[in-house]
């Protein structure tokens, strides 16, 4: 991991951009800490870190300034400045065509859109976690939140260093992920926008039902994809405080 920039923000949080293996990312750490900080991995949607920066930084800075967490994000494959990925571009085009035509989004399109992204992203997140946990200012435990929910499901199954996860139910879910969800046992908090125009509500509820965790909480709010209530930010932070502190 190589840091490429460093900026002390007005709330005292230190923001550093980094790169590892050609993958860009951003790390936020608290202004001061008496011990290595717990870490939250904040996964973006596949829209590019620059486009999503305000949302990502807002959450990370809140966690760092108010709760003393470190937070990090990395660019997903085929997003932002990373090389274009022909199969992903085709899958997105097929999705747009189906939605514009008012047709159901079939399993074949969902699988082509999501499963290769999961396969590529999860090892990258694990490699990033290796490097982040080697830093003296970060000591774990580790939480995960956001992004494409299927990436989080896979990570929760295969990565034992993740102790708790906050999922956003706002992306398409391949049917095969239901079986993986049954293997998830860590504490979960799942956020669902009830009227999300791009999300299959029933698929999200089926996924929540499938999770094998003894502690799992569903926060369902009225409104569309971008209408998440502001209080959910603190609800997520308090969830991580219970499990990472």
C-alpha atoms as a PDB file:
ATOM      1  CA  UNK A   1       0.000   0.000   0.000  1.00  0.00           C
ATOM      2  CA  UNK A   2       1.339   3.409  -0.993  1.00  0.00           C
ATOM      3  CA  UNK A   3      -0.165   6.672   0.241  1.00  0.00           C
ATOM      4  CA  UNK A   4      -0.464   9.287  -2.495  1.00  0.00           C
ATOM      5  CA  UNK A   5      -2.001  12.243  -0.623  1.00  0.00           C
ATOM      6  CA  UNK A   6      -2.696  13.411   2.921  1.00  0.00           C
ATOM      7  CA  UNK A   7      -5.180  16.020   4.150  1.00  0.00           C
ATOM      8  CA  UNK A   8      -6.150  17.060   7.675  1.00  0.00           C
ATOM      9  CA  UNK A   9      -9.855  17.951   7.527  1.00  0.00           C
ATOM     10  CA  UNK A  10     -11.556  20.633   9.578  1.00  0.00           C
ATOM     11  CA  UNK A  11     -12.945  18.097  12.067  1.00  0.00           C
ATOM     12  CA  UNK A  12      -9.423  16.807  12.711  1.00  0.00           C
ATOM     13  CA  UNK A  13      -9.931  13.605  10.739  1.00  0.00           C
ATOM     14  CA  UNK A  14      -6.942  12.590   8.616  1.00  0.00           C
ATOM     15  CA  UNK A  15      -7.859  11.653   5.028  1.00  0.00           C
ATOM     16  CA  UNK A  16      -5.282   9.787   2.969  1.00  0.00           C
ATOM     17  CA  UNK A  17      -5.612   8.491  -0.555  1.00  0.00           C
ATOM     18  CA  UNK A  18      -3.708   5.296  -1.321  1.00  0.00           C
ATOM     19  CA  UNK A  19      -3.128   2.720  -4.006  1.00  0.00           C
ATOM     20  CA  UNK A  20      -2.338  -0.992  -3.828  1.00  0.00           C
ATOM     21  CA  UNK A  21      -1.899  -3.260  -6.813  1.00  0.00           C
ATOM     22  CA  UNK A  22      -3.173  -0.468  -9.059  1.00  0.00           C
ATOM     23  CA  UNK A  23      -6.404  -0.127  -7.049  1.00  0.00           C
ATOM     24  CA  UNK A  24      -7.157   3.316  -5.557  1.00  0.00           C
ATOM     25  CA  UNK A  25      -8.682   3.829  -2.139  1.00  0.00           C
ATOM     26  CA  UNK A  26      -9.170   6.310   0.681  1.00  0.00           C
ATOM     27  CA  UNK A  27      -8.472   5.932   4.406  1.00  0.00           C
ATOM     28  CA  UNK A  28      -9.907   8.143   7.159  1.00  0.00           C
ATOM     29  CA  UNK A  29      -8.491   7.977  10.693  1.00  0.00           C
ATOM     30  CA  UNK A  30      -9.486   9.810  13.900  1.00  0.00           C
ATOM     31  CA  UNK A  31      -7.695  12.974  14.972  1.00  0.00           C
ATOM     32  CA  UNK A  32      -6.180  11.264  17.990  1.00  0.00           C
ATOM     33  CA  UNK A  33      -6.429   7.876  19.596  1.00  0.00           C
ATOM     34  CA  UNK A  34      -4.844   6.263  22.646  1.00  0.00           C
ATOM     35  CA  UNK A  35      -4.939   2.837  20.993  1.00  0.00           C
ATOM     36  CA  UNK A  36      -5.205   1.428  17.457  1.00  0.00           C
ATOM     37  CA  UNK A  37      -8.665   2.128  16.068  1.00  0.00           C
ATOM     38  CA  UNK A  38     -11.313  -0.374  14.990  1.00  0.00           C
ATOM     39  CA  UNK A  39     -11.869  -0.341  11.225  1.00  0.00           C
ATOM     40  CA  UNK A  40     -15.007  -0.063   9.102  1.00  0.00           C
ATOM     41  CA  UNK A  41     -14.773  -1.018   5.426  1.00  0.00           C
ATOM     42  CA  UNK A  42     -17.178   1.188   3.451  1.00  0.00           C
ATOM     43  CA  UNK A  43     -17.923  -0.376   0.097  1.00  0.00           C
ATOM     44  CA  UNK A  44     -19.121   1.999  -2.648  1.00  0.00           C
ATOM     45  CA  UNK A  45     -21.691   1.217  -5.331  1.00  0.00           C
ATOM     46  CA  UNK A  46     -20.105   0.643  -8.771  1.00  0.00           C
ATOM     47  CA  UNK A  47     -20.366   4.317  -9.744  1.00  0.00           C
ATOM     48  CA  UNK A  48     -16.810   5.466  -9.005  1.00  0.00           C
ATOM     49  CA  UNK A  49     -15.183   6.839  -5.861  1.00  0.00           C
ATOM     50  CA  UNK A  50     -15.089  10.402  -7.185  1.00  0.00           C
ATOM     51  CA  UNK A  51     -18.810  10.453  -7.862  1.00  0.00           C
ATOM     52  CA  UNK A  52     -19.629   8.847  -4.525  1.00  0.00           C
ATOM     53  CA  UNK A  53     -17.012  10.747  -2.500  1.00  0.00           C
ATOM     54  CA  UNK A  54     -19.432  13.098  -0.639  1.00  0.00           C
ATOM     55  CA  UNK A  55     -21.516  10.199   0.664  1.00  0.00           C
ATOM     56  CA  UNK A  56     -18.527   8.003   1.510  1.00  0.00           C
ATOM     57  CA  UNK A  57     -16.554  10.774   3.171  1.00  0.00           C
ATOM     58  CA  UNK A  58     -19.592  11.949   5.126  1.00  0.00           C
ATOM     59  CA  UNK A  59     -20.075   8.530   6.688  1.00  0.00           C
ATOM     60  CA  UNK A  60     -16.359   7.956   7.279  1.00  0.00           C
ATOM     61  CA  UNK A  61     -15.825  11.339   8.918  1.00  0.00           C
ATOM     62  CA  UNK A  62     -18.825  10.833  11.187  1.00  0.00           C
ATOM     63  CA  UNK A  63     -17.512   7.448  12.312  1.00  0.00           C
ATOM     64  CA  UNK A  64     -14.006   8.809  12.875  1.00  0.00           C
ATOM     65  CA  UNK A  65     -14.864  12.115  14.580  1.00  0.00           C
ATOM     66  CA  UNK A  66     -17.719  10.910  16.821  1.00  0.00           C
ATOM     67  CA  UNK A  67     -16.893   7.254  17.483  1.00  0.00           C
ATOM     68  CA  UNK A  68     -13.120   6.961  16.938  1.00  0.00           C
ATOM     69  CA  UNK A  69     -13.315   4.445  14.100  1.00  0.00           C
ATOM     70  CA  UNK A  70     -10.972   4.302  11.142  1.00  0.00           C
ATOM     71  CA  UNK A  71     -12.788   3.855   7.805  1.00  0.00           C
ATOM     72  CA  UNK A  72     -11.585   2.869   4.354  1.00  0.00           C
ATOM     73  CA  UNK A  73     -12.982   2.412   0.868  1.00  0.00           C
ATOM     74  CA  UNK A  74     -11.577   1.089  -2.410  1.00  0.00           C
ATOM     75  CA  UNK A  75     -12.599   1.428  -6.059  1.00  0.00           C
ATOM     76  CA  UNK A  76     -14.578  -1.525  -7.398  1.00  0.00           C
ATOM     77  CA  UNK A  77     -13.468  -3.367 -10.560  1.00  0.00           C
ATOM     78  CA  UNK A  78     -14.510  -1.577 -13.749  1.00  0.00           C
ATOM     79  CA  UNK A  79     -15.463   1.610 -11.886  1.00  0.00           C
ATOM     80  CA  UNK A  80     -13.959   5.092 -11.687  1.00  0.00           C
ATOM     81  CA  UNK A  81     -10.507   5.288 -13.231  1.00  0.00           C
ATOM     82  CA  UNK A  82      -9.994   1.524 -13.269  1.00  0.00           C
ATOM     83  CA  UNK A  83      -9.873  -0.214 -16.678  1.00  0.00           C
ATOM     84  CA  UNK A  84     -13.225  -0.801 -18.345  1.00  0.00           C
ATOM     85  CA  UNK A  85     -14.544  -4.334 -18.070  1.00  0.00           C
ATOM     86  CA  UNK A  86     -16.307  -5.469 -21.217  1.00  0.00           C
ATOM     87  CA  UNK A  87     -18.496  -8.115 -19.599  1.00  0.00           C
ATOM     88  CA  UNK A  88     -19.663  -5.678 -16.916  1.00  0.00           C
ATOM     89  CA  UNK A  89     -20.401  -2.991 -19.506  1.00  0.00           C
ATOM     90  CA  UNK A  90     -22.505  -5.457 -21.491  1.00  0.00           C
ATOM     91  CA  UNK A  91     -24.390  -6.569 -18.374  1.00  0.00           C
ATOM     92  CA  UNK A  92     -25.161  -2.945 -17.468  1.00  0.00           C
ATOM     93  CA  UNK A  93     -26.352  -2.274 -21.021  1.00  0.00           C
ATOM     94  CA  UNK A  94     -28.646  -5.301 -20.870  1.00  0.00           C
ATOM     95  CA  UNK A  95     -30.011  -4.083 -17.540  1.00  0.00           C
ATOM     96  CA  UNK A  96     -30.683  -0.574 -18.859  1.00  0.00           C
ATOM     97  CA  UNK A  97     -32.398  -1.974 -21.948  1.00  0.00           C
ATOM     98  CA  UNK A  98     -34.705  -4.193 -19.875  1.00  0.00           C
ATOM     99  CA  UNK A  99     -35.600  -1.410 -17.455  1.00  0.00           C
ATOM    100  CA  UNK A 100     -36.221   1.168 -20.196  1.00  0.00           C
ATOM    101  CA  UNK A 101     -38.498  -1.321 -21.959  1.00  0.00           C
ATOM    102  CA  UNK A 102     -40.396  -1.958 -18.745  1.00  0.00           C
ATOM    103  CA  UNK A 103     -39.449  -5.632 -18.837  1.00  0.00           C
ATOM    104  CA  UNK A 104     -38.671  -7.805 -15.805  1.00  0.00           C
ATOM    105  CA  UNK A 105     -34.965  -8.036 -15.012  1.00  0.00           C
ATOM    106  CA  UNK A 106     -34.320 -11.761 -15.378  1.00  0.00           C
ATOM    107  CA  UNK A 107     -31.966 -14.014 -13.472  1.00  0.00           C
ATOM    108  CA  UNK A 108     -29.560 -14.217 -16.409  1.00  0.00           C
ATOM    109  CA  UNK A 109     -29.015 -10.445 -16.426  1.00  0.00           C
ATOM    110  CA  UNK A 110     -28.701 -10.267 -12.625  1.00  0.00           C
ATOM    111  CA  UNK A 111     -26.189 -13.113 -12.511  1.00  0.00           C
ATOM    112  CA  UNK A 112     -24.079 -11.572 -15.289  1.00  0.00           C
ATOM    113  CA  UNK A 113     -24.184  -8.176 -13.578  1.00  0.00           C
ATOM    114  CA  UNK A 114     -23.457  -9.204  -9.992  1.00  0.00           C
ATOM    115  CA  UNK A 115     -21.665 -12.552  -9.687  1.00  0.00           C
ATOM    116  CA  UNK A 116     -18.465 -11.664 -11.621  1.00  0.00           C
ATOM    117  CA  UNK A 117     -18.267  -8.413  -9.642  1.00  0.00           C
ATOM    118  CA  UNK A 118     -18.468 -10.381  -6.388  1.00  0.00           C
ATOM    119  CA  UNK A 119     -15.801 -12.837  -7.575  1.00  0.00           C
ATOM    120  CA  UNK A 120     -13.400 -10.012  -8.472  1.00  0.00           C
ATOM    121  CA  UNK A 121     -14.150  -7.652  -5.588  1.00  0.00           C
ATOM    122  CA  UNK A 122     -13.939  -9.937  -2.563  1.00  0.00           C
ATOM    123  CA  UNK A 123     -10.257 -10.945  -2.983  1.00  0.00           C
ATOM    124  CA  UNK A 124      -9.410  -7.268  -3.501  1.00  0.00           C
ATOM    125  CA  UNK A 125     -11.153  -6.307  -0.272  1.00  0.00           C
ATOM    126  CA  UNK A 126      -9.266  -9.066   1.544  1.00  0.00           C
ATOM    127  CA  UNK A 127      -5.940  -7.820   0.146  1.00  0.00           C
ATOM    128  CA  UNK A 128      -6.813  -4.265   1.171  1.00  0.00           C
ATOM    129  CA  UNK A 129      -7.676  -5.513   4.653  1.00  0.00           C
ATOM    130  CA  UNK A 130      -4.265  -7.206   4.919  1.00  0.00           C
ATOM    131  CA  UNK A 131      -2.548  -3.879   4.226  1.00  0.00           C
ATOM    132  CA  UNK A 132      -4.855  -1.760   6.378  1.00  0.00           C
ATOM    133  CA  UNK A 133      -4.466  -3.981   9.433  1.00  0.00           C
ATOM    134  CA  UNK A 134      -0.680  -3.777   9.080  1.00  0.00           C
ATOM    135  CA  UNK A 135      -0.812  -0.033   9.827  1.00  0.00           C
ATOM    136  CA  UNK A 136       0.058   0.796  13.467  1.00  0.00           C
ATOM    137  CA  UNK A 137      -2.926   3.151  13.862  1.00  0.00           C
ATOM    138  CA  UNK A 138      -5.453   0.409  12.973  1.00  0.00           C
ATOM    139  CA  UNK A 139      -5.985  -2.621  15.163  1.00  0.00           C
ATOM    140  CA  UNK A 140      -9.432  -4.037  14.488  1.00  0.00           C
ATOM    141  CA  UNK A 141     -12.020  -5.404  15.083  1.00  0.00           C
ATOM    142  CA  UNK A 142     -13.379  -4.895  11.564  1.00  0.00           C
ATOM    143  CA  UNK A 143     -16.845  -4.030  10.307  1.00  0.00           C
ATOM    144  CA  UNK A 144     -18.187  -3.808   6.768  1.00  0.00           C
ATOM    145  CA  UNK A 145     -20.998  -1.737   5.323  1.00  0.00           C
ATOM    146  CA  UNK A 146     -22.697  -0.571   2.178  1.00  0.00           C
ATOM    147  CA  UNK A 147     -22.157  -1.143  -1.482  1.00  0.00           C
ATOM    148  CA  UNK A 148     -23.423  -4.068  -3.522  1.00  0.00           C
ATOM    149  CA  UNK A 149     -25.078  -6.274  -0.913  1.00  0.00           C
ATOM    150  CA  UNK A 150     -23.882  -9.511  -2.557  1.00  0.00           C
ATOM    151  CA  UNK A 151     -20.241  -8.441  -2.086  1.00  0.00           C
ATOM    152  CA  UNK A 152     -20.948  -8.016   1.603  1.00  0.00           C
ATOM    153  CA  UNK A 153     -22.625 -11.409   1.834  1.00  0.00           C
ATOM    154  CA  UNK A 154     -19.625 -13.169   0.294  1.00  0.00           C
ATOM    155  CA  UNK A 155     -17.169 -11.254   2.496  1.00  0.00           C
ATOM    156  CA  UNK A 156     -19.155 -12.118   5.616  1.00  0.00           C
ATOM    157  CA  UNK A 157     -18.903 -15.794   4.689  1.00  0.00           C
ATOM    158  CA  UNK A 158     -15.222 -16.031   3.700  1.00  0.00           C
ATOM    159  CA  UNK A 159     -13.505 -13.323   5.778  1.00  0.00           C
ATOM    160  CA  UNK A 160     -13.268 -14.237   9.493  1.00  0.00           C
ATOM    161  CA  UNK A 161     -11.746 -10.859  10.421  1.00  0.00           C
ATOM    162  CA  UNK A 162     -15.089  -9.115   9.809  1.00  0.00           C
ATOM    163  CA  UNK A 163     -17.024  -9.060  13.088  1.00  0.00           C
ATOM    164  CA  UNK A 164     -20.222  -7.228  12.089  1.00  0.00           C
ATOM    165  CA  UNK A 165     -21.819  -5.834   8.926  1.00  0.00           C
ATOM    166  CA  UNK A 166     -24.314  -3.201   7.916  1.00  0.00           C
ATOM    167  CA  UNK A 167     -25.893  -4.002   4.547  1.00  0.00           C
ATOM    168  CA  UNK A 168     -27.815  -1.673   2.230  1.00  0.00           C
ATOM    169  CA  UNK A 169     -30.586  -3.578   0.417  1.00  0.00           C
ATOM    170  CA  UNK A 170     -30.553  -1.572  -2.784  1.00  0.00           C
ATOM    171  CA  UNK A 171     -28.961  -3.783  -5.427  1.00  0.00           C
ATOM    172  CA  UNK A 172     -30.008  -6.846  -7.414  1.00  0.00           C
ATOM    173  CA  UNK A 173     -29.481 -10.189  -5.654  1.00  0.00           C
ATOM    174  CA  UNK A 174     -28.696 -13.404  -7.579  1.00  0.00           C
ATOM    175  CA  UNK A 175     -30.700 -16.375  -6.333  1.00  0.00           C
ATOM    176  CA  UNK A 176     -27.470 -18.241  -5.564  1.00  0.00           C
ATOM    177  CA  UNK A 177     -26.647 -15.650  -2.889  1.00  0.00           C
ATOM    178  CA  UNK A 178     -29.504 -16.957  -0.748  1.00  0.00           C
ATOM    179  CA  UNK A 179     -27.532 -20.128  -0.057  1.00  0.00           C
ATOM    180  CA  UNK A 180     -24.457 -18.095   0.852  1.00  0.00           C
ATOM    181  CA  UNK A 181     -26.590 -15.903   3.118  1.00  0.00           C
ATOM    182  CA  UNK A 182     -27.495 -18.960   5.196  1.00  0.00           C
ATOM    183  CA  UNK A 183     -23.787 -19.273   6.044  1.00  0.00           C
ATOM    184  CA  UNK A 184     -23.556 -15.717   7.432  1.00  0.00           C
ATOM    185  CA  UNK A 185     -23.419 -15.787  11.233  1.00  0.00           C
ATOM    186  CA  UNK A 186     -22.031 -12.376  12.263  1.00  0.00           C
ATOM    187  CA  UNK A 187     -24.310  -9.624  13.662  1.00  0.00           C
ATOM    188  CA  UNK A 188     -26.124  -7.767  10.881  1.00  0.00           C
ATOM    189  CA  UNK A 189     -28.057  -4.567  10.450  1.00  0.00           C
ATOM    190  CA  UNK A 190     -29.832  -4.290   7.090  1.00  0.00           C
ATOM    191  CA  UNK A 191     -31.184  -1.008   5.741  1.00  0.00           C
ATOM    192  CA  UNK A 192     -34.093  -1.180   3.280  1.00  0.00           C
ATOM    193  CA  UNK A 193     -35.860   1.694   1.517  1.00  0.00           C
ATOM    194  CA  UNK A 194     -39.413   0.410   1.146  1.00  0.00           C
ATOM    195  CA  UNK A 195     -40.159   2.292  -2.085  1.00  0.00           C
ATOM    196  CA  UNK A 196     -36.738   1.885  -3.723  1.00  0.00           C
ATOM    197  CA  UNK A 197     -37.525   2.124  -7.423  1.00  0.00           C
ATOM    198  CA  UNK A 198     -34.512   0.056  -8.485  1.00  0.00           C
ATOM    199  CA  UNK A 199     -34.737  -2.655  -5.862  1.00  0.00           C
ATOM    200  CA  UNK A 200     -36.795  -5.837  -5.703  1.00  0.00           C
ATOM    201  CA  UNK A 201     -38.274  -5.499  -2.211  1.00  0.00           C
ATOM    202  CA  UNK A 202     -39.303  -9.138  -1.971  1.00  0.00           C
ATOM    203  CA  UNK A 203     -35.827 -10.309  -2.982  1.00  0.00           C
ATOM    204  CA  UNK A 204     -34.358  -8.109  -0.231  1.00  0.00           C
ATOM    205  CA  UNK A 205     -36.785  -9.557   2.329  1.00  0.00           C
ATOM    206  CA  UNK A 206     -36.019 -13.106   1.180  1.00  0.00           C
ATOM    207  CA  UNK A 207     -32.309 -12.419   1.573  1.00  0.00           C
ATOM    208  CA  UNK A 208     -32.803 -11.027   5.081  1.00  0.00           C
ATOM    209  CA  UNK A 209     -34.851 -14.101   6.009  1.00  0.00           C
ATOM    210  CA  UNK A 210     -32.075 -16.371   4.714  1.00  0.00           C
ATOM    211  CA  UNK A 211     -29.279 -14.885   6.828  1.00  0.00           C
ATOM    212  CA  UNK A 212     -28.091 -17.370   9.425  1.00  0.00           C
ATOM    213  CA  UNK A 213     -27.111 -14.729  11.992  1.00  0.00           C
ATOM    214  CA  UNK A 214     -28.622 -14.998  15.469  1.00  0.00           C
ATOM    215  CA  UNK A 215     -28.555 -11.209  15.660  1.00  0.00           C
ATOM    216  CA  UNK A 216     -29.997  -9.534  12.583  1.00  0.00           C
ATOM    217  CA  UNK A 217     -32.014  -6.333  12.463  1.00  0.00           C
ATOM    218  CA  UNK A 218     -33.978  -4.871   9.547  1.00  0.00           C
ATOM    219  CA  UNK A 219     -34.429  -1.103   9.338  1.00  0.00           C
ATOM    220  CA  UNK A 220     -37.145  -0.413   6.752  1.00  0.00           C
ATOM    221  CA  UNK A 221     -38.006   3.197   5.961  1.00  0.00           C
ATOM    222  CA  UNK A 222     -40.508   4.689   3.571  1.00  0.00           C
ATOM    223  CA  UNK A 223     -39.068   6.432   0.529  1.00  0.00           C
ATOM    224  CA  UNK A 224     -36.956   5.834  -2.553  1.00  0.00           C
ATOM    225  CA  UNK A 225     -33.331   4.876  -3.044  1.00  0.00           C
ATOM    226  CA  UNK A 226     -31.894   8.271  -2.118  1.00  0.00           C
ATOM    227  CA  UNK A 227     -34.345   9.007   0.702  1.00  0.00           C
ATOM    228  CA  UNK A 228     -32.522   7.289   3.572  1.00  0.00           C
ATOM    229  CA  UNK A 229     -33.326   9.190   6.797  1.00  0.00           C
ATOM    230  CA  UNK A 230     -30.381  11.030   8.334  1.00  0.00           C
ATOM    231  CA  UNK A 231     -30.862   9.272  11.673  1.00  0.00           C
ATOM    232  CA  UNK A 232     -29.846   5.971  10.070  1.00  0.00           C
ATOM    233  CA  UNK A 233     -26.249   7.238   9.986  1.00  0.00           C
ATOM    234  CA  UNK A 234     -26.105   7.300  13.779  1.00  0.00           C
ATOM    235  CA  UNK A 235     -28.079   4.048  14.003  1.00  0.00           C
ATOM    236  CA  UNK A 236     -25.364   2.395  11.923  1.00  0.00           C
ATOM    237  CA  UNK A 237     -22.594   3.935  14.009  1.00  0.00           C
ATOM    238  CA  UNK A 238     -24.180   2.737  17.244  1.00  0.00           C
ATOM    239  CA  UNK A 239     -24.545  -0.755  15.768  1.00  0.00           C
ATOM    240  CA  UNK A 240     -20.807  -0.844  15.034  1.00  0.00           C
ATOM    241  CA  UNK A 241     -19.998   0.644  18.452  1.00  0.00           C
ATOM    242  CA  UNK A 242     -21.778  -2.291  20.098  1.00  0.00           C
ATOM    243  CA  UNK A 243     -19.771  -4.858  18.158  1.00  0.00           C
ATOM    244  CA  UNK A 244     -16.384  -3.274  17.426  1.00  0.00           C
ATOM    245  CA  UNK A 245     -15.604  -1.488  20.693  1.00  0.00           C
END
